[in-house]
Amino acid sequence: MHHSPGRARRLGGPVPLVALVALAAALLFTALAVLLATRDWAPFPFERSADDWAATHRPEGARSAAVALTWLGSGPVPFLLAFAAGAVTLRAAPAPRGPRRAVLVLIAPVLWLVAGQLLRLGVMHACGRPRPPAMTWATDASGFAFPSGHSFTAALAAGLLALAVVRARPSAASAAIAEAALFALAIGLSRVYLGVHWPLDVLGGWLLATVWLTVGALGPVFKPLSSAR
């Protein structure tokens, strides 16, 4: 029996792997949240040690650099990355059927990022984990701690762009993935260094972003690409 390439991709190849990554990240995030909940969301000793170390190793130059870096994980930058993901996807797609389809392809990653923010806010308020003591903060912060919003947003936005590049230009996959991972890592570590998140908040943000990114990769974000052909 002959199978079309599209059907083959659904039955094998990368799709099962992406689904397994989504499931693994979801299970790990759930396990982490349950573990923290059993402690009434109190930090582990190593988290307190990390916060104490950051507070005593924060010269003005390093603090200013960390503040500038952490700014990239919120505000307009993540949305620009998501928009760039849509632009890369649109450029790689064969001629869309019409302007509405082209707009959908262009904004799909941005909409997925917005939906992810709603998910993250809901989870954050449901968990209600307190932040580290405000006396150790080196920048402004608000809301609860888990999962880290900056870590989630940076990982998701950079991941969307990396995924778009991987699909449009497979030869650049390694570089795109490495750059996205480095960006997410730097933003997450800056949140701990600035004293506004515990380390496991950052890990939770990365895991939740992985879940949402891989779910999007299975269809909602890049389905318009195949539909435009």
N, C-alpha and C. Protein backbone atom coordinates (compact mmCIF):
# COMPACT_ATOMS: atom_id res chain seq x y z
N MET A 1 0.86 -1.20 0.00
CA MET A 1 0.00 0.00 0.00
C MET A 1 0.89 1.24 0.00
N HIS A 2 0.52 2.23 -0.79
CA HIS A 2 1.31 3.45 -0.88
C HIS A 2 0.83 4.45 0.16
N HIS A 3 1.78 5.05 0.88
CA HIS A 3 1.46 6.10 1.85
C HIS A 3 2.07 7.41 1.39
N SER A 4 1.31 8.47 1.56
CA SER A 4 1.83 9.78 1.20
C SER A 4 2.90 10.20 2.19
N PRO A 5 3.82 11.11 1.79
CA PRO A 5 4.85 11.58 2.71
C PRO A 5 4.26 12.21 3.96
N GLY A 6 3.12 12.95 3.80
CA GLY A 6 2.51 13.57 4.97
C GLY A 6 2.04 12.54 5.97
N ARG A 7 1.44 11.44 5.44
CA ARG A 7 0.97 10.40 6.34
C ARG A 7 2.14 9.68 6.99
N ALA A 8 3.21 9.50 6.24
CA ALA A 8 4.39 8.85 6.81
C ALA A 8 4.96 9.67 7.95
N ARG A 9 4.92 10.99 7.81
CA ARG A 9 5.43 11.83 8.89
C ARG A 9 4.56 11.72 10.13
N ARG A 10 3.26 11.49 9.93
CA ARG A 10 2.38 11.36 11.09
C ARG A 10 2.57 10.02 11.77
N LEU A 11 2.89 8.98 10.98
CA LEU A 11 3.02 7.63 11.54
C LEU A 11 4.40 7.37 12.11
N GLY A 12 5.41 8.05 11.61
CA GLY A 12 6.77 7.80 12.06
C GLY A 12 7.59 9.05 11.97
N GLY A 13 8.91 8.90 12.03
CA GLY A 13 9.76 10.07 11.93
C GLY A 13 9.72 10.91 13.17
N PRO A 14 9.77 12.24 13.00
CA PRO A 14 9.93 13.12 14.14
C PRO A 14 8.71 13.26 15.04
N VAL A 15 7.51 13.00 14.53
CA VAL A 15 6.32 13.27 15.33
C VAL A 15 6.27 12.44 16.61
N PRO A 16 6.50 11.12 16.56
CA PRO A 16 6.49 10.37 17.81
C PRO A 16 7.53 10.87 18.80
N LEU A 17 8.71 11.26 18.32
CA LEU A 17 9.75 11.76 19.20
C LEU A 17 9.30 13.05 19.88
N VAL A 18 8.70 13.96 19.13
CA VAL A 18 8.20 15.21 19.71
C VAL A 18 7.13 14.92 20.76
N ALA A 19 6.25 13.96 20.45
CA ALA A 19 5.21 13.60 21.41
C ALA A 19 5.81 13.02 22.69
N LEU A 20 6.86 12.22 22.54
CA LEU A 20 7.52 11.66 23.72
C LEU A 20 8.20 12.75 24.55
N VAL A 21 8.79 13.72 23.88
CA VAL A 21 9.41 14.84 24.59
C VAL A 21 8.35 15.63 25.36
N ALA A 22 7.22 15.88 24.72
CA ALA A 22 6.12 16.59 25.38
C ALA A 22 5.65 15.83 26.61
N LEU A 23 5.47 14.52 26.47
CA LEU A 23 5.00 13.71 27.60
C LEU A 23 6.03 13.69 28.72
N ALA A 24 7.30 13.51 28.36
CA ALA A 24 8.35 13.46 29.39
C ALA A 24 8.44 14.79 30.14
N ALA A 25 8.39 15.90 29.41
CA ALA A 25 8.47 17.21 30.05
C ALA A 25 7.26 17.46 30.95
N ALA A 26 6.08 17.03 30.50
CA ALA A 26 4.87 17.20 31.31
C ALA A 26 4.96 16.39 32.60
N LEU A 27 5.46 15.17 32.49
CA LEU A 27 5.59 14.33 33.68
C LEU A 27 6.61 14.91 34.65
N LEU A 28 7.73 15.39 34.12
CA LEU A 28 8.75 15.98 34.97
C LEU A 28 8.25 17.25 35.64
N PHE A 29 7.52 18.07 34.89
CA PHE A 29 6.98 19.30 35.48
C PHE A 29 5.98 18.97 36.59
N THR A 30 5.12 18.00 36.32
CA THR A 30 4.14 17.60 37.33
C THR A 30 4.83 17.06 38.57
N ALA A 31 5.84 16.22 38.37
CA ALA A 31 6.58 15.66 39.51
C ALA A 31 7.26 16.76 40.31
N LEU A 32 7.82 17.73 39.63
CA LEU A 32 8.48 18.85 40.32
C LEU A 32 7.48 19.66 41.13
N ALA A 33 6.32 19.95 40.51
CA ALA A 33 5.30 20.71 41.22
C ALA A 33 4.79 19.96 42.45
N VAL A 34 4.57 18.66 42.30
CA VAL A 34 4.10 17.85 43.44
C VAL A 34 5.15 17.83 44.54
N LEU A 35 6.41 17.67 44.15
CA LEU A 35 7.50 17.66 45.14
C LEU A 35 7.54 18.96 45.92
N LEU A 36 7.43 20.07 45.22
CA LEU A 36 7.45 21.36 45.92
C LEU A 36 6.20 21.55 46.78
N ALA A 37 5.07 21.08 46.29
CA ALA A 37 3.83 21.21 47.05
C ALA A 37 3.89 20.44 48.36
N THR A 38 4.57 19.29 48.36
CA THR A 38 4.68 18.50 49.59
C THR A 38 5.52 19.21 50.64
N ARG A 39 6.30 20.19 50.20
CA ARG A 39 7.10 21.00 51.13
C ARG A 39 6.46 22.35 51.40
N ASP A 40 5.16 22.47 51.04
CA ASP A 40 4.48 23.76 51.16
C ASP A 40 5.21 24.85 50.38
N TRP A 41 5.84 24.45 49.28
CA TRP A 41 6.51 25.35 48.35
C TRP A 41 7.75 26.02 48.96
N ALA A 42 8.21 25.52 50.08
CA ALA A 42 9.42 26.06 50.70
C ALA A 42 10.65 25.68 49.88
N PRO A 43 11.67 26.52 49.85
CA PRO A 43 12.86 26.21 49.06
C PRO A 43 13.69 25.10 49.70
N PHE A 44 14.37 24.36 48.86
CA PHE A 44 15.33 23.37 49.33
C PHE A 44 16.58 24.09 49.83
N PRO A 45 17.36 23.42 50.67
CA PRO A 45 18.59 24.07 51.15
C PRO A 45 19.51 24.55 50.03
N PHE A 46 19.62 23.77 48.95
CA PHE A 46 20.50 24.21 47.86
C PHE A 46 19.96 25.46 47.18
N GLU A 47 18.64 25.64 47.20
CA GLU A 47 18.07 26.86 46.62
C GLU A 47 18.40 28.07 47.49
N ARG A 48 18.32 27.90 48.79
CA ARG A 48 18.70 28.99 49.70
C ARG A 48 20.19 29.33 49.53
N SER A 49 21.00 28.29 49.35
CA SER A 49 22.43 28.52 49.17
C SER A 49 22.70 29.30 47.88
N ALA A 50 21.98 28.96 46.82
CA ALA A 50 22.14 29.68 45.56
C ALA A 50 21.74 31.13 45.70
N ASP A 51 20.65 31.39 46.42
CA ASP A 51 20.19 32.76 46.63
C ASP A 51 21.19 33.53 47.47
N ASP A 52 21.72 32.90 48.50
CA ASP A 52 22.71 33.56 49.36
C ASP A 52 23.98 33.86 48.58
N TRP A 53 24.43 32.90 47.76
CA TRP A 53 25.63 33.11 46.97
C TRP A 53 25.45 34.29 46.01
N ALA A 54 24.31 34.33 45.33
CA ALA A 54 24.06 35.41 44.37
C ALA A 54 24.07 36.76 45.06
N ALA A 55 23.49 36.83 46.25
CA ALA A 55 23.39 38.10 46.96
C ALA A 55 24.75 38.63 47.38
N THR A 56 25.72 37.75 47.56
CA THR A 56 27.06 38.16 48.02
C THR A 56 28.09 38.18 46.90
N HIS A 57 27.67 37.89 45.68
CA HIS A 57 28.58 37.90 44.53
C HIS A 57 27.93 38.67 43.39
N ARG A 58 27.59 39.92 43.69
CA ARG A 58 26.83 40.71 42.73
C ARG A 58 27.40 42.13 42.63
N PRO A 59 28.61 42.27 42.07
CA PRO A 59 29.14 43.63 41.88
C PRO A 59 28.27 44.41 40.91
N GLU A 60 28.39 45.73 40.94
CA GLU A 60 27.48 46.57 40.18
C GLU A 60 27.53 46.27 38.69
N GLY A 61 28.72 46.04 38.16
CA GLY A 61 28.82 45.75 36.73
C GLY A 61 28.10 44.47 36.36
N ALA A 62 28.27 43.43 37.18
CA ALA A 62 27.60 42.16 36.91
C ALA A 62 26.10 42.29 37.07
N ARG A 63 25.68 43.06 38.09
CA ARG A 63 24.24 43.26 38.29
C ARG A 63 23.62 43.97 37.10
N SER A 64 24.28 45.02 36.62
CA SER A 64 23.75 45.77 35.46
C SER A 64 23.66 44.89 34.23
N ALA A 65 24.67 44.04 34.02
CA ALA A 65 24.65 43.14 32.87
C ALA A 65 23.52 42.13 33.00
N ALA A 66 23.31 41.62 34.22
CA ALA A 66 22.24 40.64 34.43
C ALA A 66 20.86 41.27 34.23
N VAL A 67 20.72 42.52 34.68
CA VAL A 67 19.44 43.22 34.49
C VAL A 67 19.16 43.42 33.00
N ALA A 68 20.20 43.81 32.25
CA ALA A 68 20.03 43.99 30.80
C ALA A 68 19.69 42.66 30.13
N LEU A 69 20.33 41.60 30.58
CA LEU A 69 20.08 40.29 30.00
C LEU A 69 18.67 39.80 30.32
N THR A 70 18.27 39.96 31.57
CA THR A 70 16.96 39.44 31.97
C THR A 70 15.83 40.19 31.29
N TRP A 71 16.09 41.44 30.89
CA TRP A 71 15.07 42.22 30.18
C TRP A 71 14.68 41.55 28.85
N LEU A 72 15.62 40.81 28.27
CA LEU A 72 15.34 40.15 27.00
C LEU A 72 14.31 39.03 27.13
N GLY A 73 14.05 38.58 28.36
CA GLY A 73 13.11 37.49 28.58
C GLY A 73 11.68 37.94 28.78
N SER A 74 11.40 39.23 28.63
CA SER A 74 10.04 39.72 28.78
C SER A 74 9.85 40.92 27.86
N GLY A 75 8.66 41.50 27.89
CA GLY A 75 8.41 42.67 27.06
C GLY A 75 8.34 42.33 25.59
N PRO A 76 8.85 43.22 24.73
CA PRO A 76 8.67 43.03 23.28
C PRO A 76 9.56 41.97 22.66
N VAL A 77 10.71 41.68 23.26
CA VAL A 77 11.68 40.79 22.61
C VAL A 77 11.11 39.40 22.32
N PRO A 78 10.49 38.71 23.30
CA PRO A 78 9.94 37.38 22.98
C PRO A 78 8.90 37.42 21.88
N PHE A 79 8.10 38.47 21.83
CA PHE A 79 7.09 38.55 20.79
C PHE A 79 7.72 38.83 19.42
N LEU A 80 8.83 39.56 19.41
CA LEU A 80 9.55 39.75 18.16
C LEU A 80 10.15 38.43 17.67
N LEU A 81 10.65 37.62 18.61
CA LEU A 81 11.17 36.31 18.24
C LEU A 81 10.07 35.42 17.66
N ALA A 82 8.90 35.45 18.31
CA ALA A 82 7.78 34.65 17.82
C ALA A 82 7.32 35.14 16.45
N PHE A 83 7.30 36.45 16.26
CA PHE A 83 6.93 37.00 14.96
C PHE A 83 7.95 36.59 13.90
N ALA A 84 9.23 36.59 14.28
CA ALA A 84 10.27 36.14 13.35
C ALA A 84 10.07 34.68 12.98
N ALA A 85 9.62 33.88 13.94
CA ALA A 85 9.33 32.47 13.65
C ALA A 85 8.24 32.36 12.60
N GLY A 86 7.22 33.20 12.72
CA GLY A 86 6.16 33.19 11.72
C GLY A 86 6.66 33.63 10.35
N ALA A 87 7.55 34.64 10.35
CA ALA A 87 8.08 35.12 9.07
C ALA A 87 8.93 34.05 8.39
N VAL A 88 9.74 33.33 9.18
CA VAL A 88 10.56 32.25 8.61
C VAL A 88 9.66 31.16 8.04
N THR A 89 8.62 30.81 8.79
CA THR A 89 7.70 29.77 8.35
C THR A 89 6.98 30.18 7.06
N LEU A 90 6.54 31.43 7.02
CA LEU A 90 5.83 31.93 5.84
C LEU A 90 6.73 31.93 4.61
N ARG A 91 7.97 32.34 4.81
CA ARG A 91 8.89 32.40 3.68
C ARG A 91 9.20 31.00 3.14
N ALA A 92 9.23 30.01 4.04
CA ALA A 92 9.55 28.65 3.63
C ALA A 92 8.37 27.94 2.98
N ALA A 93 7.16 28.46 3.22
CA ALA A 93 5.97 27.80 2.69
C ALA A 93 5.79 28.11 1.20
N PRO A 94 5.29 27.14 0.45
CA PRO A 94 4.88 27.45 -0.92
C PRO A 94 3.81 28.53 -0.91
N ALA A 95 3.55 29.10 -2.05
CA ALA A 95 2.62 30.23 -2.11
C ALA A 95 1.32 29.91 -1.40
N PRO A 96 0.96 30.69 -0.35
CA PRO A 96 -0.30 30.43 0.35
C PRO A 96 -1.50 30.64 -0.56
N ARG A 97 -2.63 30.12 -0.11
CA ARG A 97 -3.84 30.21 -0.92
C ARG A 97 -4.39 31.62 -0.99
N GLY A 98 -4.06 32.45 -0.02
CA GLY A 98 -4.57 33.80 -0.02
C GLY A 98 -3.98 34.58 1.13
N PRO A 99 -4.29 35.87 1.20
CA PRO A 99 -3.71 36.73 2.24
C PRO A 99 -4.12 36.30 3.65
N ARG A 100 -5.32 35.79 3.83
CA ARG A 100 -5.74 35.36 5.16
C ARG A 100 -4.89 34.20 5.65
N ARG A 101 -4.60 33.26 4.76
CA ARG A 101 -3.76 32.13 5.13
C ARG A 101 -2.35 32.60 5.45
N ALA A 102 -1.85 33.56 4.68
CA ALA A 102 -0.51 34.09 4.93
C ALA A 102 -0.44 34.76 6.30
N VAL A 103 -1.46 35.51 6.65
CA VAL A 103 -1.49 36.17 7.96
C VAL A 103 -1.55 35.14 9.07
N LEU A 104 -2.32 34.08 8.87
CA LEU A 104 -2.42 33.03 9.88
C LEU A 104 -1.06 32.37 10.12
N VAL A 105 -0.35 32.07 9.04
CA VAL A 105 0.98 31.47 9.15
C VAL A 105 1.92 32.42 9.89
N LEU A 106 1.81 33.70 9.60
CA LEU A 106 2.70 34.70 10.17
C LEU A 106 2.49 34.87 11.67
N ILE A 107 1.23 34.88 12.11
CA ILE A 107 0.95 35.20 13.52
C ILE A 107 0.74 33.97 14.39
N ALA A 108 0.72 32.78 13.80
CA ALA A 108 0.47 31.57 14.61
C ALA A 108 1.44 31.44 15.78
N PRO A 109 2.77 31.63 15.60
CA PRO A 109 3.67 31.54 16.75
C PRO A 109 3.39 32.60 17.82
N VAL A 110 3.01 33.80 17.40
CA VAL A 110 2.70 34.85 18.37
C VAL A 110 1.47 34.47 19.20
N LEU A 111 0.46 33.94 18.53
CA LEU A 111 -0.75 33.52 19.24
C LEU A 111 -0.44 32.37 20.20
N TRP A 112 0.45 31.49 19.78
CA TRP A 112 0.83 30.38 20.66
C TRP A 112 1.59 30.88 21.89
N LEU A 113 2.40 31.90 21.68
CA LEU A 113 3.12 32.51 22.81
C LEU A 113 2.13 33.18 23.77
N VAL A 114 1.15 33.87 23.24
CA VAL A 114 0.14 34.50 24.09
C VAL A 114 -0.64 33.44 24.87
N ALA A 115 -1.05 32.37 24.18
CA ALA A 115 -1.77 31.29 24.87
C ALA A 115 -0.90 30.67 25.95
N GLY A 116 0.40 30.54 25.67
CA GLY A 116 1.31 30.00 26.66
C GLY A 116 1.41 30.88 27.89
N GLN A 117 1.36 32.19 27.69
CA GLN A 117 1.40 33.10 28.83
C GLN A 117 0.17 32.94 29.71
N LEU A 118 -0.96 32.73 29.10
CA LEU A 118 -2.18 32.50 29.88
C LEU A 118 -2.08 31.20 30.67
N LEU A 119 -1.55 30.16 30.04
CA LEU A 119 -1.33 28.90 30.73
C LEU A 119 -0.38 29.09 31.91
N ARG A 120 0.73 29.74 31.66
CA ARG A 120 1.74 29.94 32.71
C ARG A 120 1.20 30.74 33.87
N LEU A 121 0.44 31.79 33.59
CA LEU A 121 -0.15 32.59 34.66
C LEU A 121 -1.12 31.77 35.50
N GLY A 122 -1.91 30.93 34.82
CA GLY A 122 -2.85 30.08 35.54
C GLY A 122 -2.12 29.11 36.47
N VAL A 123 -1.07 28.49 35.95
CA VAL A 123 -0.29 27.55 36.76
C VAL A 123 0.39 28.28 37.91
N MET A 124 0.94 29.45 37.64
CA MET A 124 1.64 30.21 38.66
C MET A 124 0.72 30.58 39.82
N HIS A 125 -0.48 31.02 39.49
CA HIS A 125 -1.42 31.39 40.55
C HIS A 125 -1.95 30.16 41.28
N ALA A 126 -2.09 29.06 40.58
CA ALA A 126 -2.54 27.83 41.23
C ALA A 126 -1.50 27.32 42.22
N CYS A 127 -0.23 27.47 41.89
CA CYS A 127 0.84 27.00 42.77
C CYS A 127 1.09 27.99 43.91
N GLY A 128 1.20 29.25 43.58
CA GLY A 128 1.36 30.27 44.61
C GLY A 128 2.65 30.19 45.40
N ARG A 129 3.74 29.79 44.78
CA ARG A 129 5.01 29.70 45.51
C ARG A 129 5.60 31.09 45.75
N PRO A 130 5.97 31.40 46.98
CA PRO A 130 6.58 32.72 47.25
C PRO A 130 7.96 32.85 46.62
N ARG A 131 8.32 34.06 46.31
CA ARG A 131 9.65 34.35 45.80
C ARG A 131 10.67 34.37 46.94
N PRO A 132 11.95 34.43 46.58
CA PRO A 132 12.97 34.62 47.62
C PRO A 132 12.72 35.93 48.38
N PRO A 133 13.33 36.10 49.54
CA PRO A 133 13.13 37.35 50.31
C PRO A 133 13.47 38.58 49.47
N ALA A 134 12.62 39.59 49.56
CA ALA A 134 12.80 40.79 48.74
C ALA A 134 14.11 41.51 49.04
N MET A 135 14.65 41.30 50.21
CA MET A 135 15.90 41.97 50.57
C MET A 135 17.07 41.51 49.71
N THR A 136 16.93 40.38 49.05
CA THR A 136 18.01 39.88 48.19
C THR A 136 17.79 40.23 46.72
N TRP A 137 16.69 40.88 46.40
CA TRP A 137 16.40 41.19 45.01
C TRP A 137 17.35 42.26 44.49
N ALA A 138 17.74 42.12 43.23
CA ALA A 138 18.55 43.14 42.57
C ALA A 138 17.82 43.75 41.39
N THR A 139 16.55 43.44 41.26
CA THR A 139 15.70 44.02 40.23
C THR A 139 14.26 43.90 40.68
N ASP A 140 13.37 44.57 40.00
CA ASP A 140 11.95 44.52 40.37
C ASP A 140 11.34 43.19 39.95
N ALA A 141 10.36 42.75 40.72
CA ALA A 141 9.64 41.52 40.39
C ALA A 141 8.26 41.59 41.02
N SER A 142 7.34 40.82 40.47
CA SER A 142 5.98 40.79 41.02
C SER A 142 5.38 39.41 40.77
N GLY A 143 4.33 39.11 41.51
CA GLY A 143 3.65 37.83 41.32
C GLY A 143 4.36 36.70 42.03
N PHE A 144 3.87 35.49 41.78
CA PHE A 144 4.43 34.31 42.43
C PHE A 144 5.68 33.83 41.68
N ALA A 145 6.32 32.80 42.25
CA ALA A 145 7.64 32.41 41.76
C ALA A 145 7.63 31.26 40.77
N PHE A 146 6.74 30.28 40.97
CA PHE A 146 6.81 29.03 40.20
C PHE A 146 5.63 28.89 39.25
N PRO A 147 5.91 28.62 37.97
CA PRO A 147 7.20 28.59 37.30
C PRO A 147 7.67 29.98 36.92
N SER A 148 8.96 30.14 36.71
CA SER A 148 9.51 31.44 36.34
C SER A 148 8.95 31.91 35.01
N GLY A 149 8.36 33.11 35.03
CA GLY A 149 7.78 33.65 33.80
C GLY A 149 8.82 33.99 32.75
N HIS A 150 9.92 34.63 33.17
CA HIS A 150 10.97 34.97 32.21
C HIS A 150 11.57 33.71 31.59
N SER A 151 11.82 32.69 32.42
CA SER A 151 12.42 31.45 31.91
C SER A 151 11.48 30.77 30.93
N PHE A 152 10.20 30.73 31.27
CA PHE A 152 9.21 30.13 30.38
C PHE A 152 9.13 30.89 29.06
N THR A 153 9.02 32.21 29.16
CA THR A 153 8.82 33.02 27.97
C THR A 153 10.03 32.98 27.04
N ALA A 154 11.22 33.08 27.62
CA ALA A 154 12.44 33.06 26.81
C ALA A 154 12.60 31.71 26.11
N ALA A 155 12.38 30.62 26.85
CA ALA A 155 12.54 29.30 26.25
C ALA A 155 11.51 29.06 25.16
N LEU A 156 10.28 29.48 25.39
CA LEU A 156 9.23 29.26 24.40
C LEU A 156 9.46 30.09 23.15
N ALA A 157 9.76 31.38 23.32
CA ALA A 157 9.94 32.26 22.16
C ALA A 157 11.15 31.84 21.34
N ALA A 158 12.27 31.57 22.01
CA ALA A 158 13.46 31.13 21.28
C ALA A 158 13.23 29.77 20.65
N GLY A 159 12.50 28.91 21.34
CA GLY A 159 12.19 27.59 20.78
C GLY A 159 11.32 27.66 19.55
N LEU A 160 10.36 28.57 19.55
CA LEU A 160 9.51 28.74 18.37
C LEU A 160 10.33 29.16 17.16
N LEU A 161 11.25 30.10 17.37
CA LEU A 161 12.09 30.55 16.26
C LEU A 161 13.01 29.42 15.80
N ALA A 162 13.60 28.70 16.77
CA ALA A 162 14.48 27.59 16.40
C ALA A 162 13.73 26.53 15.61
N LEU A 163 12.53 26.22 16.05
CA LEU A 163 11.74 25.20 15.36
C LEU A 163 11.40 25.64 13.94
N ALA A 164 11.09 26.93 13.77
CA ALA A 164 10.80 27.44 12.43
C ALA A 164 12.03 27.32 11.53
N VAL A 165 13.20 27.64 12.08
CA VAL A 165 14.43 27.54 11.31
C VAL A 165 14.73 26.09 10.96
N VAL A 166 14.52 25.19 11.91
CA VAL A 166 14.77 23.76 11.67
C VAL A 166 13.91 23.25 10.53
N ARG A 167 12.64 23.67 10.51
CA ARG A 167 11.73 23.19 9.47
C ARG A 167 12.02 23.85 8.13
N ALA A 168 12.46 25.10 8.17
CA ALA A 168 12.72 25.80 6.91
C ALA A 168 14.08 25.46 6.34
N ARG A 169 15.05 25.22 7.22
CA ARG A 169 16.42 24.96 6.77
C ARG A 169 17.05 23.91 7.68
N PRO A 170 16.80 22.64 7.44
CA PRO A 170 17.30 21.57 8.32
C PRO A 170 18.80 21.60 8.54
N SER A 171 19.56 22.09 7.59
CA SER A 171 21.02 22.13 7.74
C SER A 171 21.45 23.06 8.87
N ALA A 172 20.58 23.98 9.26
CA ALA A 172 20.89 24.93 10.33
C ALA A 172 20.31 24.49 11.68
N ALA A 173 19.84 23.26 11.75
CA ALA A 173 19.15 22.79 12.95
C ALA A 173 20.02 22.87 14.20
N SER A 174 21.23 22.37 14.10
CA SER A 174 22.11 22.32 15.28
C SER A 174 22.38 23.71 15.82
N ALA A 175 22.70 24.65 14.94
CA ALA A 175 22.99 26.01 15.37
C ALA A 175 21.76 26.68 15.97
N ALA A 176 20.61 26.48 15.34
CA ALA A 176 19.37 27.10 15.83
C ALA A 176 19.00 26.59 17.21
N ILE A 177 19.09 25.28 17.40
CA ILE A 177 18.75 24.68 18.69
C ILE A 177 19.73 25.12 19.77
N ALA A 178 21.02 25.14 19.43
CA ALA A 178 22.03 25.55 20.41
C ALA A 178 21.85 27.00 20.83
N GLU A 179 21.56 27.87 19.89
CA GLU A 179 21.37 29.29 20.21
C GLU A 179 20.12 29.49 21.05
N ALA A 180 19.05 28.77 20.75
CA ALA A 180 17.83 28.89 21.55
C ALA A 180 18.07 28.40 22.97
N ALA A 181 18.77 27.28 23.10
CA ALA A 181 19.07 26.74 24.43
C ALA A 181 19.94 27.69 25.23
N LEU A 182 20.93 28.29 24.59
CA LEU A 182 21.82 29.22 25.27
C LEU A 182 21.06 30.46 25.73
N PHE A 183 20.16 30.95 24.88
CA PHE A 183 19.35 32.12 25.24
C PHE A 183 18.48 31.80 26.45
N ALA A 184 17.79 30.67 26.42
CA ALA A 184 16.92 30.28 27.53
C ALA A 184 17.73 30.07 28.81
N LEU A 185 18.90 29.45 28.68
CA LEU A 185 19.75 29.21 29.84
C LEU A 185 20.21 30.52 30.47
N ALA A 186 20.64 31.45 29.64
CA ALA A 186 21.13 32.73 30.15
C ALA A 186 20.03 33.50 30.87
N ILE A 187 18.85 33.55 30.28
CA ILE A 187 17.74 34.27 30.92
C ILE A 187 17.38 33.61 32.25
N GLY A 188 17.27 32.29 32.26
CA GLY A 188 16.91 31.59 33.49
C GLY A 188 17.92 31.81 34.60
N LEU A 189 19.21 31.70 34.29
CA LEU A 189 20.23 31.90 35.30
C LEU A 189 20.25 33.34 35.81
N SER A 190 19.93 34.28 34.95
CA SER A 190 19.89 35.68 35.39
C SER A 190 18.82 35.91 36.44
N ARG A 191 17.74 35.16 36.38
CA ARG A 191 16.67 35.33 37.36
C ARG A 191 17.11 34.87 38.75
N VAL A 192 17.88 33.80 38.78
CA VAL A 192 18.42 33.34 40.06
C VAL A 192 19.49 34.30 40.55
N TYR A 193 20.35 34.74 39.65
CA TYR A 193 21.44 35.64 40.03
C TYR A 193 20.91 36.97 40.57
N LEU A 194 19.80 37.42 40.04
CA LEU A 194 19.21 38.68 40.50
C LEU A 194 18.36 38.50 41.75
N GLY A 195 18.22 37.27 42.23
CA GLY A 195 17.57 37.03 43.50
C GLY A 195 16.06 37.01 43.47
N VAL A 196 15.45 36.95 42.29
CA VAL A 196 13.99 37.03 42.22
C VAL A 196 13.32 35.67 41.99
N HIS A 197 14.14 34.62 41.82
CA HIS A 197 13.58 33.28 41.66
C HIS A 197 14.49 32.26 42.32
N TRP A 198 13.87 31.20 42.81
CA TRP A 198 14.60 30.03 43.26
C TRP A 198 15.01 29.21 42.04
N PRO A 199 16.08 28.43 42.11
CA PRO A 199 16.50 27.63 40.95
C PRO A 199 15.42 26.71 40.39
N LEU A 200 14.61 26.10 41.25
CA LEU A 200 13.58 25.19 40.74
C LEU A 200 12.44 25.93 40.07
N ASP A 201 12.29 27.22 40.33
CA ASP A 201 11.32 28.02 39.57
C ASP A 201 11.74 28.08 38.11
N VAL A 202 13.04 28.27 37.91
CA VAL A 202 13.58 28.36 36.56
C VAL A 202 13.44 27.02 35.84
N LEU A 203 13.79 25.94 36.54
CA LEU A 203 13.63 24.61 35.94
C LEU A 203 12.17 24.37 35.56
N GLY A 204 11.26 24.76 36.42
CA GLY A 204 9.84 24.60 36.11
C GLY A 204 9.44 25.40 34.88
N GLY A 205 9.97 26.61 34.74
CA GLY A 205 9.68 27.42 33.56
C GLY A 205 10.17 26.77 32.29
N TRP A 206 11.37 26.21 32.34
CA TRP A 206 11.91 25.52 31.16
C TRP A 206 11.09 24.30 30.80
N LEU A 207 10.70 23.52 31.81
CA LEU A 207 9.93 22.30 31.53
C LEU A 207 8.56 22.64 30.95
N LEU A 208 7.88 23.62 31.54
CA LEU A 208 6.55 23.99 31.03
C LEU A 208 6.66 24.55 29.61
N ALA A 209 7.71 25.31 29.34
CA ALA A 209 7.91 25.83 27.98
C ALA A 209 8.15 24.69 27.00
N THR A 210 8.88 23.67 27.43
CA THR A 210 9.12 22.51 26.57
C THR A 210 7.82 21.80 26.23
N VAL A 211 6.96 21.67 27.23
CA VAL A 211 5.65 21.05 26.99
C VAL A 211 4.88 21.85 25.96
N TRP A 212 4.77 23.14 26.18
CA TRP A 212 3.94 23.98 25.30
C TRP A 212 4.55 24.07 23.90
N LEU A 213 5.87 24.14 23.81
CA LEU A 213 6.52 24.21 22.50
C LEU A 213 6.30 22.93 21.71
N THR A 214 6.47 21.79 22.35
CA THR A 214 6.32 20.52 21.63
C THR A 214 4.87 20.25 21.27
N VAL A 215 3.94 20.65 22.11
CA VAL A 215 2.53 20.53 21.74
C VAL A 215 2.24 21.38 20.51
N GLY A 216 2.79 22.59 20.48
CA GLY A 216 2.62 23.44 19.31
C GLY A 216 3.25 22.85 18.07
N ALA A 217 4.40 22.20 18.25
CA ALA A 217 5.09 21.60 17.11
C ALA A 217 4.29 20.46 16.50
N LEU A 218 3.43 19.84 17.29
CA LEU A 218 2.63 18.72 16.79
C LEU A 218 1.47 19.17 15.90
N GLY A 219 1.21 20.47 15.84
CA GLY A 219 0.13 20.88 14.96
C GLY A 219 -0.32 22.32 15.05
N PRO A 220 -0.70 22.82 16.23
CA PRO A 220 -1.34 24.14 16.29
C PRO A 220 -0.53 25.28 15.71
N VAL A 221 0.80 25.25 15.83
CA VAL A 221 1.61 26.37 15.37
C VAL A 221 1.98 26.24 13.91
N PHE A 222 2.42 25.05 13.49
CA PHE A 222 2.94 24.89 12.15
C PHE A 222 1.99 24.16 11.21
N LYS A 223 0.80 23.85 11.68
CA LYS A 223 -0.21 23.26 10.79
C LYS A 223 -0.56 24.19 9.64
N PRO A 224 -0.62 25.53 9.87
CA PRO A 224 -0.92 26.43 8.75
C PRO A 224 0.09 26.28 7.61
N LEU A 225 1.34 25.86 7.94
CA LEU A 225 2.33 25.70 6.89
C LEU A 225 1.92 24.63 5.90
N SER A 226 1.51 23.47 6.43
CA SER A 226 1.09 22.40 5.54
C SER A 226 -0.24 22.71 4.87
N SER A 227 -1.09 23.46 5.56
CA SER A 227 -2.39 23.80 4.99
C SER A 227 -2.27 24.80 3.85
N ALA A 228 -1.17 25.53 3.83
CA ALA A 228 -1.00 26.58 2.82
C ALA A 228 -0.52 26.03 1.50
N ARG A 229 -0.18 24.74 1.48
CA ARG A 229 0.37 24.19 0.25
C ARG A 229 -0.70 23.83 -0.77
